[in-house]
């Protein structure tokens, strides 16, 4: 039933995958207090190296991108050295791994980077906050962000590109830009969070400008063959959907296609969700508007993912929580062995 998952897949002339099962990015909050990956993290990823490709947990590109405790970074040499242990362990076991580059935007909190200054700026396209408290640290309330200046944007683009270079220096096979799930890049692409009236807001082209500048800057440093992107055309997390959003992505997706990325990855927790302004699911909308390699995700099993690939809904399947519960997920699927069920208490350790 799942034989197609075990066929090799060429992302491009540079990167070949042994199978079509990807380990989805899974925030674990287990780096040390300097946001450096630990030996335990290296062992955790190495145990999952049979995946066709591991996409790392989201990795912040600079201190003010942090919105959750102990999420690893890629902006210090110490962090690069820590990731070298992870990538070496994955490669030793025959695997490949991309780093997911992250800035949380208005989901960030000064508690993590303000050095005691609770008024340190939170950056976003517009000065529009979100309600609620920081996950895993419910005593922290989200702040109203500062609308980034043009100079801020230039610096952010440069910092994304530097983080991509750092990732390659750390031994990653490539990077995935986190442009989904209501974080900084996604905030530029939706009308709820982008109310700008300059060259980075207002029109479809302007709203896509910053994400495309990040993509282009990273491609110029490490190549399109090692650059991927995650997108959420359907707003569902930390952003309210707007029917105008579709036109932004109608413009954005063909622009991405021109750039010959390694792959495009849907950002969704449950791909059975439908969005009226997209005319259905996020993955079906993207597939209809983007012709290159597409990664599906969001509640799929090996069986339903295999069926979706057979039906040409996407090319590769990313699996999330089952990989937390089953380090040997790929082997179990191949042998048709029962899987260990995921439970929330598994988040307290790296098995």
C-alpha atoms as a PDB file:
ATOM      1  CA  UNK A   1       0.000   0.000   0.000  1.00  0.00           C
ATOM      2  CA  UNK A   2       2.915   2.366   0.616  1.00  0.00           C
ATOM      3  CA  UNK A   3       5.454   1.148  -1.940  1.00  0.00           C
ATOM      4  CA  UNK A   4       5.619   4.526  -3.706  1.00  0.00           C
ATOM      5  CA  UNK A   5       6.964   6.125  -0.512  1.00  0.00           C
ATOM      6  CA  UNK A   6      10.157   4.115  -0.852  1.00  0.00           C
ATOM      7  CA  UNK A   7      11.022   5.195  -4.364  1.00  0.00           C
ATOM      8  CA  UNK A   8      14.005   7.586  -4.580  1.00  0.00           C
ATOM      9  CA  UNK A   9      13.232  11.181  -5.484  1.00  0.00           C
ATOM     10  CA  UNK A  10      15.562  13.753  -7.058  1.00  0.00           C
ATOM     11  CA  UNK A  11      14.924  17.240  -5.726  1.00  0.00           C
ATOM     12  CA  UNK A  12      17.331  18.510  -8.396  1.00  0.00           C
ATOM     13  CA  UNK A  13      20.758  17.703  -9.826  1.00  0.00           C
ATOM     14  CA  UNK A  14      22.343  18.226  -6.404  1.00  0.00           C
ATOM     15  CA  UNK A  15      20.118  16.451  -3.892  1.00  0.00           C
ATOM     16  CA  UNK A  16      18.638  12.968  -4.185  1.00  0.00           C
ATOM     17  CA  UNK A  17      16.374  11.519  -1.507  1.00  0.00           C
ATOM     18  CA  UNK A  18      16.347   7.806  -0.678  1.00  0.00           C
ATOM     19  CA  UNK A  19      12.595   7.866  -0.082  1.00  0.00           C
ATOM     20  CA  UNK A  20       9.642  10.265  -0.136  1.00  0.00           C
ATOM     21  CA  UNK A  21       9.049  10.443   3.614  1.00  0.00           C
ATOM     22  CA  UNK A  22      10.233  13.696   5.204  1.00  0.00           C
ATOM     23  CA  UNK A  23      10.464  14.373   8.901  1.00  0.00           C
ATOM     24  CA  UNK A  24       8.475  17.568   9.407  1.00  0.00           C
ATOM     25  CA  UNK A  25       9.924  20.420  11.500  1.00  0.00           C
ATOM     26  CA  UNK A  26       8.951  19.865  15.142  1.00  0.00           C
ATOM     27  CA  UNK A  27       9.640  22.529  17.767  1.00  0.00           C
ATOM     28  CA  UNK A  28      11.109  20.763  20.804  1.00  0.00           C
ATOM     29  CA  UNK A  29      12.516  23.628  22.962  1.00  0.00           C
ATOM     30  CA  UNK A  30      15.504  21.551  24.069  1.00  0.00           C
ATOM     31  CA  UNK A  31      18.533  23.697  23.166  1.00  0.00           C
ATOM     32  CA  UNK A  32      20.735  24.950  26.002  1.00  0.00           C
ATOM     33  CA  UNK A  33      20.419  28.427  27.499  1.00  0.00           C
ATOM     34  CA  UNK A  34      22.654  29.884  24.761  1.00  0.00           C
ATOM     35  CA  UNK A  35      20.340  28.301  22.174  1.00  0.00           C
ATOM     36  CA  UNK A  36      23.059  25.826  21.214  1.00  0.00           C
ATOM     37  CA  UNK A  37      22.052  22.316  20.082  1.00  0.00           C
ATOM     38  CA  UNK A  38      23.040  19.624  22.555  1.00  0.00           C
ATOM     39  CA  UNK A  39      24.508  16.139  22.185  1.00  0.00           C
ATOM     40  CA  UNK A  40      21.089  14.725  23.083  1.00  0.00           C
ATOM     41  CA  UNK A  41      19.634  16.635  20.113  1.00  0.00           C
ATOM     42  CA  UNK A  42      22.289  15.167  17.822  1.00  0.00           C
ATOM     43  CA  UNK A  43      21.348  11.669  18.964  1.00  0.00           C
ATOM     44  CA  UNK A  44      17.624  12.447  18.537  1.00  0.00           C
ATOM     45  CA  UNK A  45      18.045  13.487  14.911  1.00  0.00           C
ATOM     46  CA  UNK A  46      20.501  10.674  14.132  1.00  0.00           C
ATOM     47  CA  UNK A  47      17.908   8.089  15.190  1.00  0.00           C
ATOM     48  CA  UNK A  48      15.580   9.490  12.501  1.00  0.00           C
ATOM     49  CA  UNK A  49      18.123   9.596   9.678  1.00  0.00           C
ATOM     50  CA  UNK A  50      16.290   6.975   7.618  1.00  0.00           C
ATOM     51  CA  UNK A  51      13.819   9.696   6.576  1.00  0.00           C
ATOM     52  CA  UNK A  52      14.355  10.771   2.984  1.00  0.00           C
ATOM     53  CA  UNK A  53      15.002  14.223   4.428  1.00  0.00           C
ATOM     54  CA  UNK A  54      14.866  15.660   7.934  1.00  0.00           C
ATOM     55  CA  UNK A  55      13.679  19.240   8.213  1.00  0.00           C
ATOM     56  CA  UNK A  56      15.032  20.496  11.516  1.00  0.00           C
ATOM     57  CA  UNK A  57      13.002  22.158  14.191  1.00  0.00           C
ATOM     58  CA  UNK A  58      12.667  25.872  13.456  1.00  0.00           C
ATOM     59  CA  UNK A  59      15.955  27.708  14.081  1.00  0.00           C
ATOM     60  CA  UNK A  60      15.970  31.431  14.840  1.00  0.00           C
ATOM     61  CA  UNK A  61      18.069  33.655  12.607  1.00  0.00           C
ATOM     62  CA  UNK A  62      18.759  36.325  15.278  1.00  0.00           C
ATOM     63  CA  UNK A  63      17.905  36.965  18.937  1.00  0.00           C
ATOM     64  CA  UNK A  64      14.762  39.065  18.397  1.00  0.00           C
ATOM     65  CA  UNK A  65      13.233  36.215  16.396  1.00  0.00           C
ATOM     66  CA  UNK A  66      12.664  34.085  19.507  1.00  0.00           C
ATOM     67  CA  UNK A  67       9.132  33.414  20.695  1.00  0.00           C
ATOM     68  CA  UNK A  68       9.484  30.132  22.577  1.00  0.00           C
ATOM     69  CA  UNK A  69      11.911  28.908  25.274  1.00  0.00           C
ATOM     70  CA  UNK A  70      15.173  27.173  24.355  1.00  0.00           C
ATOM     71  CA  UNK A  71      14.651  27.173  20.598  1.00  0.00           C
ATOM     72  CA  UNK A  72      18.024  26.787  18.859  1.00  0.00           C
ATOM     73  CA  UNK A  73      19.696  29.519  16.838  1.00  0.00           C
ATOM     74  CA  UNK A  74      22.036  29.830  13.869  1.00  0.00           C
ATOM     75  CA  UNK A  75      23.487  33.268  14.525  1.00  0.00           C
ATOM     76  CA  UNK A  76      26.485  32.530  16.776  1.00  0.00           C
ATOM     77  CA  UNK A  77      29.592  30.467  16.131  1.00  0.00           C
ATOM     78  CA  UNK A  78      28.806  28.399  19.212  1.00  0.00           C
ATOM     79  CA  UNK A  79      25.440  27.510  17.695  1.00  0.00           C
ATOM     80  CA  UNK A  80      27.055  26.619  14.358  1.00  0.00           C
ATOM     81  CA  UNK A  81      29.470  24.303  16.182  1.00  0.00           C
ATOM     82  CA  UNK A  82      26.555  22.681  18.007  1.00  0.00           C
ATOM     83  CA  UNK A  83      24.716  22.046  14.760  1.00  0.00           C
ATOM     84  CA  UNK A  84      27.845  20.494  13.245  1.00  0.00           C
ATOM     85  CA  UNK A  85      27.444  17.647  15.748  1.00  0.00           C
ATOM     86  CA  UNK A  86      23.829  17.180  14.680  1.00  0.00           C
ATOM     87  CA  UNK A  87      24.480  17.165  10.937  1.00  0.00           C
ATOM     88  CA  UNK A  88      27.507  14.889  11.323  1.00  0.00           C
ATOM     89  CA  UNK A  89      25.426  12.393  13.300  1.00  0.00           C
ATOM     90  CA  UNK A  90      22.647  12.423  10.678  1.00  0.00           C
ATOM     91  CA  UNK A  91      25.110  12.040   7.803  1.00  0.00           C
ATOM     92  CA  UNK A  92      26.936   9.205   9.591  1.00  0.00           C
ATOM     93  CA  UNK A  93      23.635   7.323   9.618  1.00  0.00           C
ATOM     94  CA  UNK A  94      23.072   7.966   5.906  1.00  0.00           C
ATOM     95  CA  UNK A  95      20.547  10.776   6.215  1.00  0.00           C
ATOM     96  CA  UNK A  96      20.061  14.296   4.869  1.00  0.00           C
ATOM     97  CA  UNK A  97      18.950  17.332   6.855  1.00  0.00           C
ATOM     98  CA  UNK A  98      17.760  20.867   6.062  1.00  0.00           C
ATOM     99  CA  UNK A  99      17.669  23.672   8.636  1.00  0.00           C
ATOM    100  CA  UNK A 100      14.374  25.529   8.921  1.00  0.00           C
ATOM    101  CA  UNK A 101      15.153  29.261   9.291  1.00  0.00           C
ATOM    102  CA  UNK A 102      12.786  31.172  11.545  1.00  0.00           C
ATOM    103  CA  UNK A 103      11.853  34.619  12.774  1.00  0.00           C
ATOM    104  CA  UNK A 104       8.621  34.656  14.732  1.00  0.00           C
ATOM    105  CA  UNK A 105       7.830  38.341  14.076  1.00  0.00           C
ATOM    106  CA  UNK A 106       4.970  39.562  16.254  1.00  0.00           C
ATOM    107  CA  UNK A 107       4.917  36.200  18.059  1.00  0.00           C
ATOM    108  CA  UNK A 108       8.347  36.996  19.587  1.00  0.00           C
ATOM    109  CA  UNK A 109       8.678  38.186  23.184  1.00  0.00           C
ATOM    110  CA  UNK A 110      11.311  40.485  24.790  1.00  0.00           C
ATOM    111  CA  UNK A 111      11.590  38.072  27.718  1.00  0.00           C
ATOM    112  CA  UNK A 112      13.876  35.969  25.546  1.00  0.00           C
ATOM    113  CA  UNK A 113      16.150  38.635  24.081  1.00  0.00           C
ATOM    114  CA  UNK A 114      15.574  41.941  25.912  1.00  0.00           C
ATOM    115  CA  UNK A 115      18.160  41.352  28.665  1.00  0.00           C
ATOM    116  CA  UNK A 116      15.581  42.372  31.220  1.00  0.00           C
ATOM    117  CA  UNK A 117      14.109  45.164  29.085  1.00  0.00           C
ATOM    118  CA  UNK A 118      10.463  44.251  28.691  1.00  0.00           C
ATOM    119  CA  UNK A 119      10.097  47.126  26.223  1.00  0.00           C
ATOM    120  CA  UNK A 120      12.630  45.773  23.718  1.00  0.00           C
ATOM    121  CA  UNK A 121      10.922  45.955  20.312  1.00  0.00           C
ATOM    122  CA  UNK A 122       8.957  43.110  18.796  1.00  0.00           C
ATOM    123  CA  UNK A 123       9.153  43.333  14.999  1.00  0.00           C
ATOM    124  CA  UNK A 124       6.312  42.862  12.512  1.00  0.00           C
ATOM    125  CA  UNK A 125       5.054  44.314   9.214  1.00  0.00           C
ATOM    126  CA  UNK A 126       2.558  46.499  11.078  1.00  0.00           C
ATOM    127  CA  UNK A 127       1.930  47.544  14.683  1.00  0.00           C
ATOM    128  CA  UNK A 128      -0.881  45.025  15.148  1.00  0.00           C
ATOM    129  CA  UNK A 129      -0.539  42.533  17.980  1.00  0.00           C
ATOM    130  CA  UNK A 130      -2.132  39.183  18.675  1.00  0.00           C
ATOM    131  CA  UNK A 131      -4.119  38.242  21.746  1.00  0.00           C
ATOM    132  CA  UNK A 132      -3.026  35.695  24.282  1.00  0.00           C
ATOM    133  CA  UNK A 133       0.046  34.362  26.008  1.00  0.00           C
ATOM    134  CA  UNK A 134       3.282  32.704  24.937  1.00  0.00           C
ATOM    135  CA  UNK A 135       2.974  28.917  24.516  1.00  0.00           C
ATOM    136  CA  UNK A 136       4.847  26.949  27.197  1.00  0.00           C
ATOM    137  CA  UNK A 137       5.233  30.202  29.197  1.00  0.00           C
ATOM    138  CA  UNK A 138       1.684  31.287  29.862  1.00  0.00           C
ATOM    139  CA  UNK A 139       2.745  34.053  32.253  1.00  0.00           C
ATOM    140  CA  UNK A 140       4.030  36.063  29.256  1.00  0.00           C
ATOM    141  CA  UNK A 141       1.514  38.159  27.312  1.00  0.00           C
ATOM    142  CA  UNK A 142       2.128  39.052  23.669  1.00  0.00           C
ATOM    143  CA  UNK A 143       3.255  42.628  22.984  1.00  0.00           C
ATOM    144  CA  UNK A 144       2.088  45.112  20.383  1.00  0.00           C
ATOM    145  CA  UNK A 145       4.872  44.986  17.779  1.00  0.00           C
ATOM    146  CA  UNK A 146       6.784  47.778  16.105  1.00  0.00           C
ATOM    147  CA  UNK A 147       6.226  48.168  12.356  1.00  0.00           C
ATOM    148  CA  UNK A 148       9.589  47.480  10.752  1.00  0.00           C
ATOM    149  CA  UNK A 149      11.311  50.297   8.891  1.00  0.00           C
ATOM    150  CA  UNK A 150      12.848  49.926   5.446  1.00  0.00           C
ATOM    151  CA  UNK A 151      16.244  49.761   7.132  1.00  0.00           C
ATOM    152  CA  UNK A 152      14.956  47.024   9.477  1.00  0.00           C
ATOM    153  CA  UNK A 153      13.792  45.062   6.440  1.00  0.00           C
ATOM    154  CA  UNK A 154      17.181  45.319   4.744  1.00  0.00           C
ATOM    155  CA  UNK A 155      18.868  44.041   7.895  1.00  0.00           C
ATOM    156  CA  UNK A 156      16.400  41.180   8.240  1.00  0.00           C
ATOM    157  CA  UNK A 157      17.000  40.081   4.648  1.00  0.00           C
ATOM    158  CA  UNK A 158      20.761  40.124   5.260  1.00  0.00           C
ATOM    159  CA  UNK A 159      20.344  38.150   8.495  1.00  0.00           C
ATOM    160  CA  UNK A 160      18.271  35.460   6.782  1.00  0.00           C
ATOM    161  CA  UNK A 161      21.003  35.124   4.148  1.00  0.00           C
ATOM    162  CA  UNK A 162      23.723  34.956   6.819  1.00  0.00           C
ATOM    163  CA  UNK A 163      21.802  32.274   8.698  1.00  0.00           C
ATOM    164  CA  UNK A 164      21.585  30.257   5.475  1.00  0.00           C
ATOM    165  CA  UNK A 165      25.350  30.540   5.025  1.00  0.00           C
ATOM    166  CA  UNK A 166      25.799  29.524   8.659  1.00  0.00           C
ATOM    167  CA  UNK A 167      23.589  26.487   8.040  1.00  0.00           C
ATOM    168  CA  UNK A 168      25.764  25.302   5.166  1.00  0.00           C
ATOM    169  CA  UNK A 169      28.867  25.925   7.305  1.00  0.00           C
ATOM    170  CA  UNK A 170      27.252  23.769   9.984  1.00  0.00           C
ATOM    171  CA  UNK A 171      26.916  20.895   7.517  1.00  0.00           C
ATOM    172  CA  UNK A 172      23.235  21.127   6.594  1.00  0.00           C
ATOM    173  CA  UNK A 173      22.359  19.889   3.103  1.00  0.00           C
ATOM    174  CA  UNK A 174      20.149  22.937   2.574  1.00  0.00           C
ATOM    175  CA  UNK A 175      17.604  25.159   4.285  1.00  0.00           C
ATOM    176  CA  UNK A 176      13.863  25.631   4.428  1.00  0.00           C
ATOM    177  CA  UNK A 177      12.694  29.193   5.008  1.00  0.00           C
ATOM    178  CA  UNK A 178       9.834  29.215   7.509  1.00  0.00           C
ATOM    179  CA  UNK A 179       7.330  31.355   5.628  1.00  0.00           C
ATOM    180  CA  UNK A 180       4.246  29.805   7.233  1.00  0.00           C
ATOM    181  CA  UNK A 181       2.142  29.426  10.385  1.00  0.00           C
ATOM    182  CA  UNK A 182       1.719  33.098  11.233  1.00  0.00           C
ATOM    183  CA  UNK A 183       5.389  33.977  11.718  1.00  0.00           C
ATOM    184  CA  UNK A 184       7.285  36.939  10.258  1.00  0.00           C
ATOM    185  CA  UNK A 185       7.363  36.112   6.551  1.00  0.00           C
ATOM    186  CA  UNK A 186       3.773  34.860   6.640  1.00  0.00           C
ATOM    187  CA  UNK A 187       2.748  38.089   8.385  1.00  0.00           C
ATOM    188  CA  UNK A 188       3.773  40.062   5.292  1.00  0.00           C
ATOM    189  CA  UNK A 189       1.581  37.864   3.072  1.00  0.00           C
ATOM    190  CA  UNK A 190      -1.757  38.327   4.853  1.00  0.00           C
ATOM    191  CA  UNK A 191      -3.946  41.419   5.099  1.00  0.00           C
ATOM    192  CA  UNK A 192      -4.732  40.812   8.769  1.00  0.00           C
ATOM    193  CA  UNK A 193      -1.102  41.433   9.751  1.00  0.00           C
ATOM    194  CA  UNK A 194       0.181  43.625   6.895  1.00  0.00           C
ATOM    195  CA  UNK A 195      -1.493  47.053   6.798  1.00  0.00           C
ATOM    196  CA  UNK A 196       1.467  48.888   5.256  1.00  0.00           C
ATOM    197  CA  UNK A 197       1.070  51.536   2.556  1.00  0.00           C
ATOM    198  CA  UNK A 198       4.681  51.585   1.331  1.00  0.00           C
ATOM    199  CA  UNK A 199       6.485  49.250  -1.076  1.00  0.00           C
ATOM    200  CA  UNK A 200       5.992  46.340   1.353  1.00  0.00           C
ATOM    201  CA  UNK A 201       2.203  46.525   1.631  1.00  0.00           C
ATOM    202  CA  UNK A 202      -1.039  47.375  -0.084  1.00  0.00           C
ATOM    203  CA  UNK A 203      -0.716  45.567  -3.414  1.00  0.00           C
ATOM    204  CA  UNK A 204      -0.159  41.858  -4.041  1.00  0.00           C
ATOM    205  CA  UNK A 205       3.310  42.556  -5.428  1.00  0.00           C
ATOM    206  CA  UNK A 206       4.252  44.726  -2.467  1.00  0.00           C
ATOM    207  CA  UNK A 207       3.031  42.218   0.120  1.00  0.00           C
ATOM    208  CA  UNK A 208       5.141  39.499  -1.519  1.00  0.00           C
ATOM    209  CA  UNK A 209       8.213  41.724  -1.819  1.00  0.00           C
ATOM    210  CA  UNK A 210       9.884  40.943   1.529  1.00  0.00           C
ATOM    211  CA  UNK A 211       9.397  37.160   1.260  1.00  0.00           C
ATOM    212  CA  UNK A 212      10.823  37.191  -2.263  1.00  0.00           C
ATOM    213  CA  UNK A 213      13.750  39.359  -1.182  1.00  0.00           C
ATOM    214  CA  UNK A 214      14.556  36.791   1.526  1.00  0.00           C
ATOM    215  CA  UNK A 215      14.310  33.935  -0.970  1.00  0.00           C
ATOM    216  CA  UNK A 216      16.511  35.738  -3.496  1.00  0.00           C
ATOM    217  CA  UNK A 217      19.116  36.729  -0.916  1.00  0.00           C
ATOM    218  CA  UNK A 218      19.425  33.145   0.289  1.00  0.00           C
ATOM    219  CA  UNK A 219      19.580  31.765  -3.256  1.00  0.00           C
ATOM    220  CA  UNK A 220      22.407  34.198  -4.004  1.00  0.00           C
ATOM    221  CA  UNK A 221      24.375  32.775  -1.061  1.00  0.00           C
ATOM    222  CA  UNK A 222      23.735  29.015  -1.209  1.00  0.00           C
ATOM    223  CA  UNK A 223      21.905  28.328  -4.493  1.00  0.00           C
ATOM    224  CA  UNK A 224      18.278  27.583  -5.376  1.00  0.00           C
ATOM    225  CA  UNK A 225      19.005  23.846  -5.265  1.00  0.00           C
ATOM    226  CA  UNK A 226      19.583  24.061  -1.498  1.00  0.00           C
ATOM    227  CA  UNK A 227      16.748  26.518  -0.759  1.00  0.00           C
ATOM    228  CA  UNK A 228      13.171  25.525   0.116  1.00  0.00           C
ATOM    229  CA  UNK A 229      10.198  27.405   1.544  1.00  0.00           C
ATOM    230  CA  UNK A 230       7.187  26.631   3.722  1.00  0.00           C
ATOM    231  CA  UNK A 231       3.989  28.612   3.038  1.00  0.00           C
ATOM    232  CA  UNK A 232       0.505  28.965   4.531  1.00  0.00           C
ATOM    233  CA  UNK A 233      -1.852  30.465   1.934  1.00  0.00           C
ATOM    234  CA  UNK A 234      -4.700  29.559   4.257  1.00  0.00           C
ATOM    235  CA  UNK A 235      -4.470  31.664   7.422  1.00  0.00           C
ATOM    236  CA  UNK A 236      -5.171  29.427  10.412  1.00  0.00           C
ATOM    237  CA  UNK A 237      -2.612  30.115  13.174  1.00  0.00           C
ATOM    238  CA  UNK A 238      -1.893  33.515  14.777  1.00  0.00           C
ATOM    239  CA  UNK A 239      -3.500  35.227  11.736  1.00  0.00           C
ATOM    240  CA  UNK A 240      -7.100  35.828  10.681  1.00  0.00           C
ATOM    241  CA  UNK A 241      -7.914  34.940   7.080  1.00  0.00           C
ATOM    242  CA  UNK A 242      -9.032  37.566   4.581  1.00  0.00           C
ATOM    243  CA  UNK A 243     -10.516  36.826   1.162  1.00  0.00           C
ATOM    244  CA  UNK A 244      -7.994  39.274  -0.322  1.00  0.00           C
ATOM    245  CA  UNK A 245      -5.165  36.926   0.733  1.00  0.00           C
ATOM    246  CA  UNK A 246      -5.768  34.631  -2.220  1.00  0.00           C
ATOM    247  CA  UNK A 247      -4.732  37.310  -4.706  1.00  0.00           C
ATOM    248  CA  UNK A 248      -1.447  37.752  -2.838  1.00  0.00           C
ATOM    249  CA  UNK A 249      -0.656  34.053  -3.224  1.00  0.00           C
ATOM    250  CA  UNK A 250      -1.947  34.015  -6.810  1.00  0.00           C
ATOM    251  CA  UNK A 251       0.924  36.436  -7.462  1.00  0.00           C
ATOM    252  CA  UNK A 252       3.433  34.874  -5.057  1.00  0.00           C
ATOM    253  CA  UNK A 253       3.336  31.229  -6.160  1.00  0.00           C
ATOM    254  CA  UNK A 254       4.236  31.791  -9.849  1.00  0.00           C
ATOM    255  CA  UNK A 255       7.091  34.022  -8.698  1.00  0.00           C
ATOM    256  CA  UNK A 256       8.370  31.200  -6.520  1.00  0.00           C
ATOM    257  CA  UNK A 257       8.047  28.722  -9.368  1.00  0.00           C
ATOM    258  CA  UNK A 258      10.421  30.842 -11.465  1.00  0.00           C
ATOM    259  CA  UNK A 259      13.097  30.434  -8.801  1.00  0.00           C
ATOM    260  CA  UNK A 260      13.403  26.626  -9.044  1.00  0.00           C
ATOM    261  CA  UNK A 261      13.427  25.993  -5.317  1.00  0.00           C
ATOM    262  CA  UNK A 262      14.337  22.570  -3.940  1.00  0.00           C
ATOM    263  CA  UNK A 263      10.703  22.246  -2.841  1.00  0.00           C
ATOM    264  CA  UNK A 264       7.681  24.113  -1.542  1.00  0.00           C
ATOM    265  CA  UNK A 265       6.180  22.820   1.710  1.00  0.00           C
ATOM    266  CA  UNK A 266       2.618  23.413   2.885  1.00  0.00           C
ATOM    267  CA  UNK A 267       2.286  24.888   6.372  1.00  0.00           C
ATOM    268  CA  UNK A 268      -0.870  23.398   7.900  1.00  0.00           C
ATOM    269  CA  UNK A 269      -1.679  21.313  10.983  1.00  0.00           C
ATOM    270  CA  UNK A 270      -4.591  19.498   9.323  1.00  0.00           C
ATOM    271  CA  UNK A 271      -4.791  19.375   5.544  1.00  0.00           C
ATOM    272  CA  UNK A 272      -8.472  18.434   5.662  1.00  0.00           C
ATOM    273  CA  UNK A 273      -9.153  22.085   6.581  1.00  0.00           C
ATOM    274  CA  UNK A 274     -10.820  24.014   3.778  1.00  0.00           C
ATOM    275  CA  UNK A 275     -10.631  27.741   3.105  1.00  0.00           C
ATOM    276  CA  UNK A 276     -13.477  29.380   1.227  1.00  0.00           C
ATOM    277  CA  UNK A 277     -11.206  31.959  -0.399  1.00  0.00           C
ATOM    278  CA  UNK A 278      -8.886  29.194  -1.645  1.00  0.00           C
ATOM    279  CA  UNK A 279     -11.714  27.029  -2.921  1.00  0.00           C
ATOM    280  CA  UNK A 280     -10.679  24.061  -0.784  1.00  0.00           C
ATOM    281  CA  UNK A 281      -7.605  22.830   1.057  1.00  0.00           C
ATOM    282  CA  UNK A 282      -4.300  24.701   1.155  1.00  0.00           C
ATOM    283  CA  UNK A 283      -2.474  21.858  -0.611  1.00  0.00           C
ATOM    284  CA  UNK A 284      -4.985  21.558  -3.449  1.00  0.00           C
ATOM    285  CA  UNK A 285      -4.838  25.310  -4.000  1.00  0.00           C
ATOM    286  CA  UNK A 286      -1.023  25.322  -4.117  1.00  0.00           C
ATOM    287  CA  UNK A 287      -0.900  22.270  -6.391  1.00  0.00           C
ATOM    288  CA  UNK A 288      -3.181  24.038  -8.870  1.00  0.00           C
ATOM    289  CA  UNK A 289      -0.954  27.119  -8.892  1.00  0.00           C
ATOM    290  CA  UNK A 290       2.557  25.706  -8.531  1.00  0.00           C
ATOM    291  CA  UNK A 291       4.091  23.066 -10.801  1.00  0.00           C
ATOM    292  CA  UNK A 292       7.365  22.201  -9.064  1.00  0.00           C
ATOM    293  CA  UNK A 293       8.088  19.813  -6.173  1.00  0.00           C
ATOM    294  CA  UNK A 294       5.445  20.093  -3.451  1.00  0.00           C
ATOM    295  CA  UNK A 295       5.545  18.610   0.066  1.00  0.00           C
ATOM    296  CA  UNK A 296       2.238  17.765   1.722  1.00  0.00           C
ATOM    297  CA  UNK A 297       1.698  17.672   5.467  1.00  0.00           C
ATOM    298  CA  UNK A 298      -1.061  17.868   8.040  1.00  0.00           C
ATOM    299  CA  UNK A 299      -2.538  14.775   9.624  1.00  0.00           C
ATOM    300  CA  UNK A 300      -1.516  12.253   6.986  1.00  0.00           C
ATOM    301  CA  UNK A 301      -0.594   8.667   7.747  1.00  0.00           C
ATOM    302  CA  UNK A 302       1.828   6.737   5.591  1.00  0.00           C
ATOM    303  CA  UNK A 303      -1.169   5.161   3.875  1.00  0.00           C
ATOM    304  CA  UNK A 304      -3.115   8.364   3.209  1.00  0.00           C
ATOM    305  CA  UNK A 305       0.083  10.170   2.220  1.00  0.00           C
ATOM    306  CA  UNK A 306       0.947   7.394  -0.221  1.00  0.00           C
ATOM    307  CA  UNK A 307      -2.528   7.596  -1.727  1.00  0.00           C
ATOM    308  CA  UNK A 308      -2.272  11.389  -2.064  1.00  0.00           C
ATOM    309  CA  UNK A 309       1.062  11.042  -3.877  1.00  0.00           C
ATOM    310  CA  UNK A 310      -0.494   8.456  -6.196  1.00  0.00           C
ATOM    311  CA  UNK A 311      -3.283  10.956  -6.897  1.00  0.00           C
ATOM    312  CA  UNK A 312      -0.685  13.650  -7.689  1.00  0.00           C
ATOM    313  CA  UNK A 313      -1.820  15.892  -4.837  1.00  0.00           C
ATOM    314  CA  UNK A 314       1.836  16.416  -3.932  1.00  0.00           C
ATOM    315  CA  UNK A 315       5.209  14.731  -4.494  1.00  0.00           C
ATOM    316  CA  UNK A 316       6.558  14.092  -0.997  1.00  0.00           C
ATOM    317  CA  UNK A 317       4.933  13.635   2.407  1.00  0.00           C
ATOM    318  CA  UNK A 318       6.138  15.208   5.665  1.00  0.00           C
ATOM    319  CA  UNK A 319       5.289  13.355   8.865  1.00  0.00           C
ATOM    320  CA  UNK A 320       5.292  15.136  12.224  1.00  0.00           C
ATOM    321  CA  UNK A 321       4.208  13.755  15.589  1.00  0.00           C
ATOM    322  CA  UNK A 322       4.526  10.068  14.615  1.00  0.00           C
ATOM    323  CA  UNK A 323       8.265  10.754  14.211  1.00  0.00           C
ATOM    324  CA  UNK A 324       8.396  11.956  17.823  1.00  0.00           C
ATOM    325  CA  UNK A 325       6.852   8.701  18.991  1.00  0.00           C
ATOM    326  CA  UNK A 326       8.712   6.478  16.521  1.00  0.00           C
ATOM    327  CA  UNK A 327      12.392   7.226  15.867  1.00  0.00           C
ATOM    328  CA  UNK A 328      12.299   4.224  13.513  1.00  0.00           C
ATOM    329  CA  UNK A 329       9.143   5.425  11.743  1.00  0.00           C
ATOM    330  CA  UNK A 330      10.441   4.719   8.237  1.00  0.00           C
ATOM    331  CA  UNK A 331      11.523   1.178   9.074  1.00  0.00           C
ATOM    332  CA  UNK A 332       8.187   0.442  10.753  1.00  0.00           C
ATOM    333  CA  UNK A 333       6.237   1.665   7.740  1.00  0.00           C
ATOM    334  CA  UNK A 334       8.418  -0.331   5.368  1.00  0.00           C
ATOM    335  CA  UNK A 335       7.924  -3.509   7.423  1.00  0.00           C
ATOM    336  CA  UNK A 336       4.233  -2.755   8.054  1.00  0.00           C
ATOM    337  CA  UNK A 337       4.825  -2.861  11.804  1.00  0.00           C
ATOM    338  CA  UNK A 338       2.517  -1.132  14.314  1.00  0.00           C
ATOM    339  CA  UNK A 339       3.418   2.420  15.330  1.00  0.00           C
ATOM    340  CA  UNK A 340       3.735   3.732  18.869  1.00  0.00           C
ATOM    341  CA  UNK A 341       0.993   6.296  19.459  1.00  0.00           C
ATOM    342  CA  UNK A 342       2.013   9.891  20.103  1.00  0.00           C
ATOM    343  CA  UNK A 343       1.170  11.452  23.452  1.00  0.00           C
ATOM    344  CA  UNK A 344       1.790  14.918  24.911  1.00  0.00           C
ATOM    345  CA  UNK A 345       4.065  13.591  27.645  1.00  0.00           C
ATOM    346  CA  UNK A 346       6.605  12.704  24.931  1.00  0.00           C
ATOM    347  CA  UNK A 347       7.367  16.422  24.627  1.00  0.00           C
ATOM    348  CA  UNK A 348       9.247  16.410  27.909  1.00  0.00           C
ATOM    349  CA  UNK A 349      12.222  14.451  26.527  1.00  0.00           C
ATOM    350  CA  UNK A 350      14.069  13.609  23.309  1.00  0.00           C
ATOM    351  CA  UNK A 351      13.821   9.877  22.686  1.00  0.00           C
END
